[in-house]
Protein backbone atom coordinates (compact mmCIF):
# COMPACT_ATOMS: atom_id res chain seq x y z
CA MET A 1 14.40 -85.40 -117.99
CA MET A 2 15.39 -83.81 -121.29
CA PRO A 3 17.66 -85.77 -123.64
CA ILE A 4 21.35 -84.92 -123.39
CA GLU A 5 23.02 -83.34 -126.42
CA ILE A 6 26.81 -83.30 -126.67
CA LYS A 7 28.17 -80.39 -128.69
CA LYS A 8 31.57 -78.92 -129.45
CA ILE A 9 31.60 -75.33 -128.32
CA GLN A 10 32.91 -72.47 -130.41
CA PRO A 11 34.99 -69.60 -128.95
CA HIS A 12 31.94 -67.33 -128.69
CA GLU A 13 30.15 -69.98 -126.54
CA TRP A 14 32.72 -69.89 -123.71
CA GLN A 15 30.08 -68.90 -121.15
CA LEU A 16 28.46 -72.35 -121.42
CA VAL A 17 31.22 -73.96 -119.37
CA ILE A 18 32.47 -71.27 -116.99
CA ASN A 19 30.43 -72.36 -113.95
CA LEU A 20 31.14 -76.05 -114.62
CA PHE A 21 34.86 -75.34 -115.02
CA ASP A 22 34.83 -73.45 -111.72
CA GLN A 23 33.05 -76.37 -110.01
CA TYR A 24 35.61 -78.75 -111.53
CA ARG A 25 38.46 -76.75 -110.02
CA VAL A 26 36.68 -76.65 -106.63
CA PHE A 27 36.32 -80.47 -106.83
CA TYR A 28 40.13 -80.56 -107.07
CA LYS A 29 40.39 -78.37 -103.96
CA LYS A 30 41.04 -75.03 -105.67
CA GLU A 31 39.37 -71.79 -104.60
CA SER A 32 36.28 -70.79 -106.57
CA ASP A 33 37.24 -68.00 -108.97
CA ILE A 34 34.80 -67.26 -111.77
CA ALA A 35 36.99 -64.50 -113.26
CA LEU A 36 39.94 -66.90 -113.48
CA ALA A 37 37.71 -69.61 -114.97
CA GLU A 38 36.42 -67.19 -117.62
CA ARG A 39 39.89 -65.91 -118.49
CA PHE A 40 41.37 -69.42 -118.72
CA ILE A 41 38.59 -70.89 -120.88
CA ARG A 42 38.41 -67.85 -123.17
CA GLU A 43 42.18 -67.94 -123.74
CA ARG A 44 42.14 -71.66 -124.59
CA LEU A 45 39.30 -71.22 -127.09
CA ASP A 46 40.46 -67.90 -128.57
CA ASN A 47 43.96 -69.31 -129.14
CA ASN A 48 42.67 -72.63 -130.48
CA GLU A 49 44.58 -74.43 -127.72
CA SER A 50 41.84 -76.80 -126.64
CA VAL A 51 38.65 -78.49 -127.77
CA ILE A 52 35.68 -78.43 -125.40
CA TYR A 53 32.57 -80.57 -125.59
CA VAL A 54 29.59 -79.69 -123.43
CA ALA A 55 26.62 -81.81 -122.38
CA MET A 56 23.39 -79.83 -122.73
CA ASN A 57 20.07 -80.90 -121.24
CA GLY A 58 17.93 -78.32 -123.04
CA GLU A 59 18.05 -75.88 -120.13
CA GLY A 60 21.80 -75.51 -119.90
CA ALA A 61 25.17 -77.17 -119.60
CA VAL A 62 25.40 -80.10 -117.18
CA GLY A 63 28.87 -81.43 -118.00
CA PHE A 64 31.95 -80.83 -120.10
CA THR A 65 35.24 -82.27 -121.22
CA GLN A 66 38.30 -80.37 -122.43
CA LEU A 67 41.00 -81.85 -124.64
CA TYR A 68 44.50 -80.58 -125.29
CA PRO A 69 46.69 -81.66 -128.20
CA LYS A 70 49.74 -83.82 -127.48
CA TYR A 71 52.42 -83.90 -130.16
CA SER A 72 55.07 -86.53 -130.83
CA SER A 73 57.95 -85.54 -133.08
CA GLY A 74 59.29 -89.09 -133.22
CA ARG A 75 55.98 -90.54 -134.36
CA ALA A 76 55.11 -87.34 -136.26
CA GLU A 77 51.56 -87.36 -134.92
CA LYS A 78 49.09 -85.48 -132.78
CA ASN A 79 47.08 -87.24 -130.10
CA TRP A 80 44.88 -85.78 -127.38
CA ILE A 81 44.94 -85.44 -123.62
CA LEU A 82 41.48 -85.56 -122.10
CA ASN A 83 42.44 -83.13 -119.36
CA ASP A 84 39.09 -82.16 -117.81
CA LEU A 85 35.89 -84.13 -117.35
CA PHE A 86 33.14 -82.89 -115.07
CA VAL A 87 29.43 -83.57 -114.67
CA ASP A 88 27.24 -81.53 -112.32
CA ALA A 89 26.49 -83.53 -109.17
CA ASP A 90 22.73 -83.50 -109.90
CA TYR A 91 23.34 -85.25 -113.25
CA ARG A 92 25.85 -87.93 -112.32
CA LYS A 93 25.20 -91.66 -112.77
CA GLN A 94 23.22 -90.98 -115.97
CA GLY A 95 25.91 -91.85 -118.53
CA ILE A 96 26.81 -88.23 -119.32
CA GLY A 97 30.50 -88.67 -118.54
CA GLU A 98 30.65 -91.70 -120.80
CA LYS A 99 28.91 -89.78 -123.62
CA LEU A 100 31.40 -86.94 -123.29
CA ILE A 101 34.38 -89.33 -123.38
CA LYS A 102 33.03 -91.21 -126.38
CA GLN A 103 32.48 -87.93 -128.26
CA ALA A 104 36.04 -86.89 -127.43
CA ALA A 105 37.36 -90.26 -128.67
CA ASP A 106 35.33 -89.97 -131.88
CA PHE A 107 36.74 -86.49 -132.45
CA ALA A 108 40.33 -87.62 -131.85
CA LYS A 109 39.98 -90.67 -134.09
CA ALA A 110 38.38 -88.61 -136.89
CA ASN A 111 41.39 -86.29 -136.68
CA GLY A 112 43.92 -89.11 -137.13
CA SER A 113 44.90 -89.67 -133.52
CA ARG A 114 46.02 -93.10 -132.37
CA PHE A 115 45.08 -92.58 -128.72
CA ILE A 116 43.74 -90.25 -126.09
CA GLN A 117 45.10 -90.20 -122.59
CA LEU A 118 44.02 -88.84 -119.24
CA GLU A 119 45.05 -88.80 -115.62
CA THR A 120 42.96 -89.20 -112.51
CA ALA A 121 43.68 -89.17 -108.82
CA VAL A 122 44.56 -92.55 -107.30
CA ASP A 123 41.61 -92.16 -104.90
CA ASN A 124 39.04 -91.22 -107.58
CA TYR A 125 37.58 -94.73 -107.78
CA THR A 126 34.37 -93.67 -109.54
CA ALA A 127 36.32 -92.14 -112.42
CA GLN A 128 38.69 -95.12 -112.59
CA SER A 129 35.73 -97.46 -112.93
CA LEU A 130 34.25 -95.32 -115.72
CA TYR A 131 37.53 -95.13 -117.65
CA GLU A 132 38.28 -98.83 -117.34
CA GLY A 133 34.69 -99.68 -118.36
CA ILE A 134 35.16 -97.71 -121.59
CA GLY A 135 38.44 -99.47 -122.38
CA PHE A 136 41.16 -97.19 -121.08
CA ILE A 137 44.26 -99.09 -119.96
CA LYS A 138 45.77 -98.04 -116.64
CA GLN A 139 49.48 -97.24 -116.73
CA PRO A 140 51.71 -97.59 -113.63
CA PRO A 141 50.88 -94.81 -111.12
CA ASP A 142 53.02 -92.03 -109.86
CA GLU A 143 52.29 -90.90 -106.31
CA GLU A 144 49.12 -88.91 -106.96
CA PHE A 145 47.65 -89.88 -110.32
CA TYR A 146 47.00 -92.85 -112.58
CA LEU A 147 47.64 -92.36 -116.29
CA TYR A 148 45.15 -94.01 -118.65
CA LYS A 149 45.32 -94.47 -122.41
CA LEU A 150 42.59 -95.48 -124.85
CA SER A 151 43.78 -96.87 -128.17
CA LEU A 152 41.80 -95.56 -131.13
CA SER A 153 43.21 -97.93 -133.76
């Protein structure tokens, strides 16, 4: 197996994550739609609305995470929502998800954020275990999702 490299993609590298983003949406019971995936990712990158890290194994992308900024006027700060995290089924259980999260946390901390947060389905036990193992603190659930926060201070 080739070593995994985590890299922040630039707008012109959008194609690296299109298939993974489509698979991510299918995982959450959405219809596969490559054109929609391409349009959505390109808009986020072209408009500087998200930051995407991709896990590369030398042959191609095997996982990604996408972060969106979260602003607080009261605290006058920007933090990050780790909105998407997906690893190709053939590459799971190899620490790739953890590497992607840690890279995202490093990025957020380097940019002055105090925390990153994410949500996951209440029945996504594998993800919950990963997040809690990294240090995310589970917030009280709503009906469908748990909210997690990781302090960066």
